[in-house]
mmCIF file of all heavy atoms, coordinates in Angstrom:
data_MODEL
# 
_entry.id   MODEL 
# 
loop_
_atom_site.group_PDB 
_atom_site.id 
_atom_site.type_symbol 
_atom_site.label_atom_id 
_atom_site.label_alt_id 
_atom_site.label_comp_id 
_atom_site.label_asym_id 
_atom_site.label_entity_id 
_atom_site.label_seq_id 
_atom_site.pdbx_PDB_ins_code 
_atom_site.Cartn_x 
_atom_site.Cartn_y 
_atom_site.Cartn_z 
_atom_site.occupancy 
_atom_site.B_iso_or_equiv 
_atom_site.pdbx_formal_charge 
_atom_site.auth_seq_id 
_atom_site.auth_comp_id 
_atom_site.auth_asym_id 
_atom_site.auth_atom_id 
_atom_site.pdbx_PDB_model_num 
ATOM 1   N N   . GLU A 1 1  ? -26.688 -1.727  -38.089 1.00 0.00 ? 1  GLU A N   1 
ATOM 2   C CA  . GLU A 1 1  ? -25.442 -2.461  -38.440 1.00 0.00 ? 1  GLU A CA  1 
ATOM 3   C C   . GLU A 1 1  ? -25.870 -3.822  -38.966 1.00 0.00 ? 1  GLU A C   1 
ATOM 4   O O   . GLU A 1 1  ? -26.911 -4.367  -38.541 1.00 0.00 ? 1  GLU A O   1 
ATOM 5   C CB  . GLU A 1 1  ? -24.569 -2.615  -37.238 1.00 0.00 ? 1  GLU A CB  1 
ATOM 6   C CG  . GLU A 1 1  ? -24.020 -1.251  -36.747 1.00 0.00 ? 1  GLU A CG  1 
ATOM 7   C CD  . GLU A 1 1  ? -23.013 -1.416  -35.620 1.00 0.00 ? 1  GLU A CD  1 
ATOM 8   O OE1 . GLU A 1 1  ? -22.517 -2.550  -35.385 1.00 0.00 ? 1  GLU A OE1 1 
ATOM 9   O OE2 . GLU A 1 1  ? -22.718 -0.380  -34.990 1.00 0.00 ? 1  GLU A OE2 1 
ATOM 10  N N   . TYR A 1 2  ? -25.041 -4.386  -39.822 1.00 0.00 ? 2  TYR A N   1 
ATOM 11  C CA  . TYR A 1 2  ? -25.350 -5.677  -40.431 1.00 0.00 ? 2  TYR A CA  1 
ATOM 12  C C   . TYR A 1 2  ? -24.188 -6.634  -40.207 1.00 0.00 ? 2  TYR A C   1 
ATOM 13  O O   . TYR A 1 2  ? -23.027 -6.309  -40.410 1.00 0.00 ? 2  TYR A O   1 
ATOM 14  C CB  . TYR A 1 2  ? -25.622 -5.517  -41.906 1.00 0.00 ? 2  TYR A CB  1 
ATOM 15  C CG  . TYR A 1 2  ? -26.796 -4.645  -42.178 1.00 0.00 ? 2  TYR A CG  1 
ATOM 16  C CD1 . TYR A 1 2  ? -26.595 -3.253  -42.349 1.00 0.00 ? 2  TYR A CD1 1 
ATOM 17  C CD2 . TYR A 1 2  ? -28.098 -5.073  -42.250 1.00 0.00 ? 2  TYR A CD2 1 
ATOM 18  C CE1 . TYR A 1 2  ? -27.686 -2.391  -42.541 1.00 0.00 ? 2  TYR A CE1 1 
ATOM 19  C CE2 . TYR A 1 2  ? -29.166 -4.258  -42.468 1.00 0.00 ? 2  TYR A CE2 1 
ATOM 20  C CZ  . TYR A 1 2  ? -28.971 -2.908  -42.627 1.00 0.00 ? 2  TYR A CZ  1 
ATOM 21  O OH  . TYR A 1 2  ? -30.025 -2.052  -42.844 1.00 0.00 ? 2  TYR A OH  1 
ATOM 22  N N   . SER A 1 3  ? -24.528 -7.878  -39.916 1.00 0.00 ? 3  SER A N   1 
ATOM 23  C CA  . SER A 1 3  ? -23.468 -8.895  -39.809 1.00 0.00 ? 3  SER A CA  1 
ATOM 24  C C   . SER A 1 3  ? -23.830 -9.988  -40.885 1.00 0.00 ? 3  SER A C   1 
ATOM 25  O O   . SER A 1 3  ? -24.996 -10.256 -41.173 1.00 0.00 ? 3  SER A O   1 
ATOM 26  C CB  . SER A 1 3  ? -23.389 -9.535  -38.434 1.00 0.00 ? 3  SER A CB  1 
ATOM 27  O OG  . SER A 1 3  ? -24.584 -10.169 -38.075 1.00 0.00 ? 3  SER A OG  1 
ATOM 28  N N   . TRP A 1 4  ? -22.768 -10.566 -41.455 1.00 0.00 ? 4  TRP A N   1 
ATOM 29  C CA  . TRP A 1 4  ? -22.933 -11.491 -42.562 1.00 0.00 ? 4  TRP A CA  1 
ATOM 30  C C   . TRP A 1 4  ? -22.386 -12.864 -42.086 1.00 0.00 ? 4  TRP A C   1 
ATOM 31  O O   . TRP A 1 4  ? -21.421 -12.938 -41.341 1.00 0.00 ? 4  TRP A O   1 
ATOM 32  C CB  . TRP A 1 4  ? -22.051 -11.050 -43.744 1.00 0.00 ? 4  TRP A CB  1 
ATOM 33  C CG  . TRP A 1 4  ? -22.524 -9.821  -44.362 1.00 0.00 ? 4  TRP A CG  1 
ATOM 34  C CD1 . TRP A 1 4  ? -22.330 -8.520  -43.912 1.00 0.00 ? 4  TRP A CD1 1 
ATOM 35  C CD2 . TRP A 1 4  ? -23.240 -9.686  -45.615 1.00 0.00 ? 4  TRP A CD2 1 
ATOM 36  N NE1 . TRP A 1 4  ? -22.820 -7.582  -44.827 1.00 0.00 ? 4  TRP A NE1 1 
ATOM 37  C CE2 . TRP A 1 4  ? -23.417 -8.304  -45.863 1.00 0.00 ? 4  TRP A CE2 1 
ATOM 38  C CE3 . TRP A 1 4  ? -23.762 -10.567 -46.527 1.00 0.00 ? 4  TRP A CE3 1 
ATOM 39  C CZ2 . TRP A 1 4  ? -24.030 -7.798  -46.975 1.00 0.00 ? 4  TRP A CZ2 1 
ATOM 40  C CZ3 . TRP A 1 4  ? -24.316 -10.131 -47.652 1.00 0.00 ? 4  TRP A CZ3 1 
ATOM 41  C CH2 . TRP A 1 4  ? -24.527 -8.754  -47.879 1.00 0.00 ? 4  TRP A CH2 1 
ATOM 42  N N   . ALA A 1 5  ? -22.985 -13.918 -42.630 1.00 0.00 ? 5  ALA A N   1 
ATOM 43  C CA  . ALA A 1 5  ? -22.480 -15.316 -42.366 1.00 0.00 ? 5  ALA A CA  1 
ATOM 44  C C   . ALA A 1 5  ? -22.798 -16.099 -43.591 1.00 0.00 ? 5  ALA A C   1 
ATOM 45  O O   . ALA A 1 5  ? -23.753 -15.768 -44.355 1.00 0.00 ? 5  ALA A O   1 
ATOM 46  C CB  . ALA A 1 5  ? -23.139 -15.908 -41.142 1.00 0.00 ? 5  ALA A CB  1 
ATOM 47  N N   . ALA A 1 6  ? -22.013 -17.146 -43.855 1.00 0.00 ? 6  ALA A N   1 
ATOM 48  C CA  . ALA A 1 6  ? -22.245 -18.029 -45.022 1.00 0.00 ? 6  ALA A CA  1 
ATOM 49  C C   . ALA A 1 6  ? -21.930 -19.505 -44.689 1.00 0.00 ? 6  ALA A C   1 
ATOM 50  O O   . ALA A 1 6  ? -20.907 -19.741 -44.049 1.00 0.00 ? 6  ALA A O   1 
ATOM 51  C CB  . ALA A 1 6  ? -21.372 -17.578 -46.141 1.00 0.00 ? 6  ALA A CB  1 
ATOM 52  N N   . THR A 1 7  ? -22.805 -20.368 -45.038 1.00 0.00 ? 7  THR A N   1 
ATOM 53  C CA  . THR A 1 7  ? -22.501 -21.791 -44.900 1.00 0.00 ? 7  THR A CA  1 
ATOM 54  C C   . THR A 1 7  ? -21.770 -22.239 -46.096 1.00 0.00 ? 7  THR A C   1 
ATOM 55  O O   . THR A 1 7  ? -21.889 -21.716 -47.172 1.00 0.00 ? 7  THR A O   1 
ATOM 56  C CB  . THR A 1 7  ? -23.860 -22.674 -44.743 1.00 0.00 ? 7  THR A CB  1 
ATOM 57  O OG1 . THR A 1 7  ? -24.573 -22.510 -45.967 1.00 0.00 ? 7  THR A OG1 1 
ATOM 58  C CG2 . THR A 1 7  ? -24.699 -22.265 -43.585 1.00 0.00 ? 7  THR A CG2 1 
ATOM 59  N N   . GLY A 1 8  ? -20.844 -23.199 -45.917 1.00 0.00 ? 8  GLY A N   1 
ATOM 60  C CA  . GLY A 1 8  ? -20.124 -23.730 -47.034 1.00 0.00 ? 8  GLY A CA  1 
ATOM 61  C C   . GLY A 1 8  ? -19.107 -22.822 -47.706 1.00 0.00 ? 8  GLY A C   1 
ATOM 62  O O   . GLY A 1 8  ? -18.691 -23.015 -48.784 1.00 0.00 ? 8  GLY A O   1 
ATOM 63  N N   . GLY A 1 9  ? -18.810 -21.738 -47.016 1.00 0.00 ? 9  GLY A N   1 
ATOM 64  C CA  . GLY A 1 9  ? -17.834 -20.771 -47.575 1.00 0.00 ? 9  GLY A CA  1 
ATOM 65  C C   . GLY A 1 9  ? -17.188 -19.908 -46.522 1.00 0.00 ? 9  GLY A C   1 
ATOM 66  O O   . GLY A 1 9  ? -17.498 -20.043 -45.357 1.00 0.00 ? 9  GLY A O   1 
ATOM 67  N N   . THR A 1 10 ? -16.268 -19.102 -46.990 1.00 0.00 ? 10 THR A N   1 
ATOM 68  C CA  . THR A 1 10 ? -15.501 -18.267 -46.054 1.00 0.00 ? 10 THR A CA  1 
ATOM 69  C C   . THR A 1 10 ? -15.725 -16.819 -46.524 1.00 0.00 ? 10 THR A C   1 
ATOM 70  O O   . THR A 1 10 ? -15.577 -16.513 -47.756 1.00 0.00 ? 10 THR A O   1 
ATOM 71  C CB  . THR A 1 10 ? -13.984 -18.572 -46.176 1.00 0.00 ? 10 THR A CB  1 
ATOM 72  O OG1 . THR A 1 10 ? -13.845 -19.937 -45.829 1.00 0.00 ? 10 THR A OG1 1 
ATOM 73  C CG2 . THR A 1 10 ? -13.238 -17.697 -45.228 1.00 0.00 ? 10 THR A CG2 1 
ATOM 74  N N   . LEU A 1 11 ? -16.093 -15.943 -45.609 1.00 0.00 ? 11 LEU A N   1 
ATOM 75  C CA  . LEU A 1 11 ? -16.189 -14.553 -45.939 1.00 0.00 ? 11 LEU A CA  1 
ATOM 76  C C   . LEU A 1 11 ? -14.801 -14.039 -46.129 1.00 0.00 ? 11 LEU A C   1 
ATOM 77  O O   . LEU A 1 11 ? -13.997 -14.035 -45.210 1.00 0.00 ? 11 LEU A O   1 
ATOM 78  C CB  . LEU A 1 11 ? -16.865 -13.742 -44.794 1.00 0.00 ? 11 LEU A CB  1 
ATOM 79  C CG  . LEU A 1 11 ? -18.380 -14.018 -44.544 1.00 0.00 ? 11 LEU A CG  1 
ATOM 80  C CD1 . LEU A 1 11 ? -18.843 -13.454 -43.227 1.00 0.00 ? 11 LEU A CD1 1 
ATOM 81  C CD2 . LEU A 1 11 ? -19.174 -13.482 -45.737 1.00 0.00 ? 11 LEU A CD2 1 
ATOM 82  N N   . ILE A 1 12 ? -14.473 -13.544 -47.326 1.00 0.00 ? 12 ILE A N   1 
ATOM 83  C CA  . ILE A 1 12 ? -13.139 -13.086 -47.588 1.00 0.00 ? 12 ILE A CA  1 
ATOM 84  C C   . ILE A 1 12 ? -13.041 -11.543 -47.342 1.00 0.00 ? 12 ILE A C   1 
ATOM 85  O O   . ILE A 1 12 ? -11.902 -11.053 -47.126 1.00 0.00 ? 12 ILE A O   1 
ATOM 86  C CB  . ILE A 1 12 ? -12.620 -13.455 -49.016 1.00 0.00 ? 12 ILE A CB  1 
ATOM 87  C CG1 . ILE A 1 12 ? -13.598 -13.025 -50.077 1.00 0.00 ? 12 ILE A CG1 1 
ATOM 88  C CG2 . ILE A 1 12 ? -12.377 -14.935 -49.066 1.00 0.00 ? 12 ILE A CG2 1 
ATOM 89  C CD1 . ILE A 1 12 ? -13.074 -13.282 -51.523 1.00 0.00 ? 12 ILE A CD1 1 
ATOM 90  N N   . SER A 1 13 ? -14.133 -10.888 -47.479 1.00 0.00 ? 13 SER A N   1 
ATOM 91  C CA  . SER A 1 13 ? -14.180 -9.433  -47.064 1.00 0.00 ? 13 SER A CA  1 
ATOM 92  C C   . SER A 1 13 ? -15.666 -9.051  -46.941 1.00 0.00 ? 13 SER A C   1 
ATOM 93  O O   . SER A 1 13 ? -16.507 -9.604  -47.584 1.00 0.00 ? 13 SER A O   1 
ATOM 94  C CB  . SER A 1 13 ? -13.510 -8.565  -48.127 1.00 0.00 ? 13 SER A CB  1 
ATOM 95  O OG  . SER A 1 13 ? -14.206 -8.584  -49.337 1.00 0.00 ? 13 SER A OG  1 
ATOM 96  N N   . TYR A 1 14 ? -15.908 -8.133  -46.012 1.00 0.00 ? 14 TYR A N   1 
ATOM 97  C CA  . TYR A 1 14 ? -17.272 -7.643  -45.833 1.00 0.00 ? 14 TYR A CA  1 
ATOM 98  C C   . TYR A 1 14 ? -17.246 -6.326  -45.113 1.00 0.00 ? 14 TYR A C   1 
ATOM 99  O O   . TYR A 1 14 ? -16.348 -5.985  -44.390 1.00 0.00 ? 14 TYR A O   1 
ATOM 100 C CB  . TYR A 1 14 ? -18.213 -8.696  -45.147 1.00 0.00 ? 14 TYR A CB  1 
ATOM 101 C CG  . TYR A 1 14 ? -17.784 -8.975  -43.720 1.00 0.00 ? 14 TYR A CG  1 
ATOM 102 C CD1 . TYR A 1 14 ? -18.380 -8.343  -42.639 1.00 0.00 ? 14 TYR A CD1 1 
ATOM 103 C CD2 . TYR A 1 14 ? -16.844 -9.982  -43.458 1.00 0.00 ? 14 TYR A CD2 1 
ATOM 104 C CE1 . TYR A 1 14 ? -18.039 -8.664  -41.364 1.00 0.00 ? 14 TYR A CE1 1 
ATOM 105 C CE2 . TYR A 1 14 ? -16.483 -10.290 -42.162 1.00 0.00 ? 14 TYR A CE2 1 
ATOM 106 C CZ  . TYR A 1 14 ? -17.080 -9.618  -41.110 1.00 0.00 ? 14 TYR A CZ  1 
ATOM 107 O OH  . TYR A 1 14 ? -16.699 -9.915  -39.845 1.00 0.00 ? 14 TYR A OH  1 
ATOM 108 N N   . ASN A 1 15 ? -18.335 -5.579  -45.370 1.00 0.00 ? 15 ASN A N   1 
ATOM 109 C CA  . ASN A 1 15 ? -18.573 -4.382  -44.586 1.00 0.00 ? 15 ASN A CA  1 
ATOM 110 C C   . ASN A 1 15 ? -20.091 -4.282  -44.380 1.00 0.00 ? 15 ASN A C   1 
ATOM 111 O O   . ASN A 1 15 ? -20.765 -5.332  -44.513 1.00 0.00 ? 15 ASN A O   1 
ATOM 112 C CB  . ASN A 1 15 ? -18.038 -3.121  -45.319 1.00 0.00 ? 15 ASN A CB  1 
ATOM 113 C CG  . ASN A 1 15 ? -18.563 -2.934  -46.734 1.00 0.00 ? 15 ASN A CG  1 
ATOM 114 O OD1 . ASN A 1 15 ? -19.727 -3.273  -46.955 1.00 0.00 ? 15 ASN A OD1 1 
ATOM 115 N ND2 . ASN A 1 15 ? -17.792 -2.454  -47.581 1.00 0.00 ? 15 ASN A ND2 1 
ATOM 116 N N   . GLN A 1 16 ? -20.617 -3.140  -44.073 1.00 0.00 ? 16 GLN A N   1 
ATOM 117 C CA  . GLN A 1 16 ? -22.045 -3.076  -43.737 1.00 0.00 ? 16 GLN A CA  1 
ATOM 118 C C   . GLN A 1 16 ? -23.010 -3.467  -44.877 1.00 0.00 ? 16 GLN A C   1 
ATOM 119 O O   . GLN A 1 16 ? -24.024 -3.993  -44.650 1.00 0.00 ? 16 GLN A O   1 
ATOM 120 C CB  . GLN A 1 16 ? -22.407 -1.655  -43.267 1.00 0.00 ? 16 GLN A CB  1 
ATOM 121 C CG  . GLN A 1 16 ? -21.773 -1.348  -41.913 1.00 0.00 ? 16 GLN A CG  1 
ATOM 122 C CD  . GLN A 1 16 ? -22.353 -2.268  -40.840 1.00 0.00 ? 16 GLN A CD  1 
ATOM 123 O OE1 . GLN A 1 16 ? -23.492 -2.319  -40.569 1.00 0.00 ? 16 GLN A OE1 1 
ATOM 124 N NE2 . GLN A 1 16 ? -21.429 -2.938  -40.170 1.00 0.00 ? 16 GLN A NE2 1 
ATOM 125 N N   . HIS A 1 17 ? -22.586 -3.202  -46.133 1.00 0.00 ? 17 HIS A N   1 
ATOM 126 C CA  . HIS A 1 17 ? -23.528 -3.402  -47.194 1.00 0.00 ? 17 HIS A CA  1 
ATOM 127 C C   . HIS A 1 17 ? -23.095 -4.423  -48.255 1.00 0.00 ? 17 HIS A C   1 
ATOM 128 O O   . HIS A 1 17 ? -23.827 -4.740  -49.143 1.00 0.00 ? 17 HIS A O   1 
ATOM 129 C CB  . HIS A 1 17 ? -23.956 -2.086  -47.856 1.00 0.00 ? 17 HIS A CB  1 
ATOM 130 C CG  . HIS A 1 17 ? -22.850 -1.436  -48.589 1.00 0.00 ? 17 HIS A CG  1 
ATOM 131 N ND1 . HIS A 1 17 ? -21.904 -0.669  -47.958 1.00 0.00 ? 17 HIS A ND1 1 
ATOM 132 C CD2 . HIS A 1 17 ? -22.572 -1.378  -49.921 1.00 0.00 ? 17 HIS A CD2 1 
ATOM 133 C CE1 . HIS A 1 17 ? -21.056 -0.183  -48.878 1.00 0.00 ? 17 HIS A CE1 1 
ATOM 134 N NE2 . HIS A 1 17 ? -21.436 -0.632  -50.035 1.00 0.00 ? 17 HIS A NE2 1 
ATOM 135 N N   . THR A 1 18 ? -21.850 -4.930  -48.222 1.00 0.00 ? 18 THR A N   1 
ATOM 136 C CA  . THR A 1 18 ? -21.293 -5.805  -49.232 1.00 0.00 ? 18 THR A CA  1 
ATOM 137 C C   . THR A 1 18 ? -20.484 -6.950  -48.586 1.00 0.00 ? 18 THR A C   1 
ATOM 138 O O   . THR A 1 18 ? -19.706 -6.693  -47.631 1.00 0.00 ? 18 THR A O   1 
ATOM 139 C CB  . THR A 1 18 ? -20.394 -5.066  -50.216 1.00 0.00 ? 18 THR A CB  1 
ATOM 140 O OG1 . THR A 1 18 ? -21.133 -3.977  -50.739 1.00 0.00 ? 18 THR A OG1 1 
ATOM 141 C CG2 . THR A 1 18 ? -19.912 -5.951  -51.327 1.00 0.00 ? 18 THR A CG2 1 
ATOM 142 N N   . ALA A 1 19 ? -20.610 -8.145  -49.099 1.00 0.00 ? 19 ALA A N   1 
ATOM 143 C CA  . ALA A 1 19 ? -19.761 -9.267  -48.657 1.00 0.00 ? 19 ALA A CA  1 
ATOM 144 C C   . ALA A 1 19 ? -19.244 -10.032 -49.885 1.00 0.00 ? 19 ALA A C   1 
ATOM 145 O O   . ALA A 1 19 ? -20.073 -10.285 -50.829 1.00 0.00 ? 19 ALA A O   1 
ATOM 146 C CB  . ALA A 1 19 ? -20.537 -10.175 -47.758 1.00 0.00 ? 19 ALA A CB  1 
ATOM 147 N N   . SER A 1 20 ? -17.999 -10.444 -49.847 1.00 0.00 ? 20 SER A N   1 
ATOM 148 C CA  . SER A 1 20 ? -17.441 -11.337 -50.855 1.00 0.00 ? 20 SER A CA  1 
ATOM 149 C C   . SER A 1 20 ? -17.186 -12.684 -50.165 1.00 0.00 ? 20 SER A C   1 
ATOM 150 O O   . SER A 1 20 ? -16.634 -12.718 -49.074 1.00 0.00 ? 20 SER A O   1 
ATOM 151 C CB  . SER A 1 20 ? -16.099 -10.791 -51.401 1.00 0.00 ? 20 SER A CB  1 
ATOM 152 O OG  . SER A 1 20 ? -16.330 -9.610  -52.113 1.00 0.00 ? 20 SER A OG  1 
ATOM 153 N N   . ILE A 1 21 ? -17.644 -13.758 -50.855 1.00 0.00 ? 21 ILE A N   1 
ATOM 154 C CA  . ILE A 1 21 ? -17.576 -15.052 -50.250 1.00 0.00 ? 21 ILE A CA  1 
ATOM 155 C C   . ILE A 1 21 ? -16.801 -15.991 -51.160 1.00 0.00 ? 21 ILE A C   1 
ATOM 156 O O   . ILE A 1 21 ? -16.982 -16.038 -52.394 1.00 0.00 ? 21 ILE A O   1 
ATOM 157 C CB  . ILE A 1 21 ? -19.011 -15.633 -50.012 1.00 0.00 ? 21 ILE A CB  1 
ATOM 158 C CG1 . ILE A 1 21 ? -19.744 -14.698 -49.100 1.00 0.00 ? 21 ILE A CG1 1 
ATOM 159 C CG2 . ILE A 1 21 ? -18.942 -17.053 -49.414 1.00 0.00 ? 21 ILE A CG2 1 
ATOM 160 C CD1 . ILE A 1 21 ? -21.246 -14.903 -49.031 1.00 0.00 ? 21 ILE A CD1 1 
ATOM 161 N N   . ASN A 1 22 ? -15.833 -16.732 -50.596 1.00 0.00 ? 22 ASN A N   1 
ATOM 162 C CA  . ASN A 1 22 ? -15.101 -17.798 -51.273 1.00 0.00 ? 22 ASN A CA  1 
ATOM 163 C C   . ASN A 1 22 ? -15.839 -19.120 -50.920 1.00 0.00 ? 22 ASN A C   1 
ATOM 164 O O   . ASN A 1 22 ? -15.653 -19.633 -49.806 1.00 0.00 ? 22 ASN A O   1 
ATOM 165 C CB  . ASN A 1 22 ? -13.666 -17.810 -50.868 1.00 0.00 ? 22 ASN A CB  1 
ATOM 166 C CG  . ASN A 1 22 ? -12.875 -18.852 -51.621 1.00 0.00 ? 22 ASN A CG  1 
ATOM 167 O OD1 . ASN A 1 22 ? -13.262 -19.298 -52.672 1.00 0.00 ? 22 ASN A OD1 1 
ATOM 168 N ND2 . ASN A 1 22 ? -11.787 -19.292 -51.026 1.00 0.00 ? 22 ASN A ND2 1 
ATOM 169 N N   . TRP A 1 23 ? -16.578 -19.671 -51.883 1.00 0.00 ? 23 TRP A N   1 
ATOM 170 C CA  . TRP A 1 23 ? -17.289 -20.931 -51.578 1.00 0.00 ? 23 TRP A CA  1 
ATOM 171 C C   . TRP A 1 23 ? -16.337 -22.054 -51.590 1.00 0.00 ? 23 TRP A C   1 
ATOM 172 O O   . TRP A 1 23 ? -15.508 -22.226 -52.513 1.00 0.00 ? 23 TRP A O   1 
ATOM 173 C CB  . TRP A 1 23 ? -18.385 -21.156 -52.659 1.00 0.00 ? 23 TRP A CB  1 
ATOM 174 C CG  . TRP A 1 23 ? -19.395 -20.098 -52.599 1.00 0.00 ? 23 TRP A CG  1 
ATOM 175 C CD1 . TRP A 1 23 ? -19.557 -19.032 -53.502 1.00 0.00 ? 23 TRP A CD1 1 
ATOM 176 C CD2 . TRP A 1 23 ? -20.408 -19.855 -51.597 1.00 0.00 ? 23 TRP A CD2 1 
ATOM 177 N NE1 . TRP A 1 23 ? -20.599 -18.217 -53.068 1.00 0.00 ? 23 TRP A NE1 1 
ATOM 178 C CE2 . TRP A 1 23 ? -21.082 -18.685 -51.944 1.00 0.00 ? 23 TRP A CE2 1 
ATOM 179 C CE3 . TRP A 1 23 ? -20.728 -20.488 -50.367 1.00 0.00 ? 23 TRP A CE3 1 
ATOM 180 C CZ2 . TRP A 1 23 ? -22.158 -18.217 -51.152 1.00 0.00 ? 23 TRP A CZ2 1 
ATOM 181 C CZ3 . TRP A 1 23 ? -21.730 -20.031 -49.606 1.00 0.00 ? 23 TRP A CZ3 1 
ATOM 182 C CH2 . TRP A 1 23 ? -22.452 -18.863 -50.008 1.00 0.00 ? 23 TRP A CH2 1 
ATOM 183 N N   . THR A 1 24 ? -16.359 -22.928 -50.554 1.00 0.00 ? 24 THR A N   1 
ATOM 184 C CA  . THR A 1 24 ? -15.437 -24.035 -50.450 1.00 0.00 ? 24 THR A CA  1 
ATOM 185 C C   . THR A 1 24 ? -16.174 -25.379 -50.501 1.00 0.00 ? 24 THR A C   1 
ATOM 186 O O   . THR A 1 24 ? -15.514 -26.436 -50.527 1.00 0.00 ? 24 THR A O   1 
ATOM 187 C CB  . THR A 1 24 ? -14.680 -23.954 -49.089 1.00 0.00 ? 24 THR A CB  1 
ATOM 188 O OG1 . THR A 1 24 ? -15.647 -23.852 -48.022 1.00 0.00 ? 24 THR A OG1 1 
ATOM 189 C CG2 . THR A 1 24 ? -13.772 -22.725 -49.038 1.00 0.00 ? 24 THR A CG2 1 
# 
């Protein structure tokens, strides 16, 4: 299983293999 995190942004959607990030 995979978990995603992003600095300076918000994960707007994610699953095991893909993440969409809204950079703020």
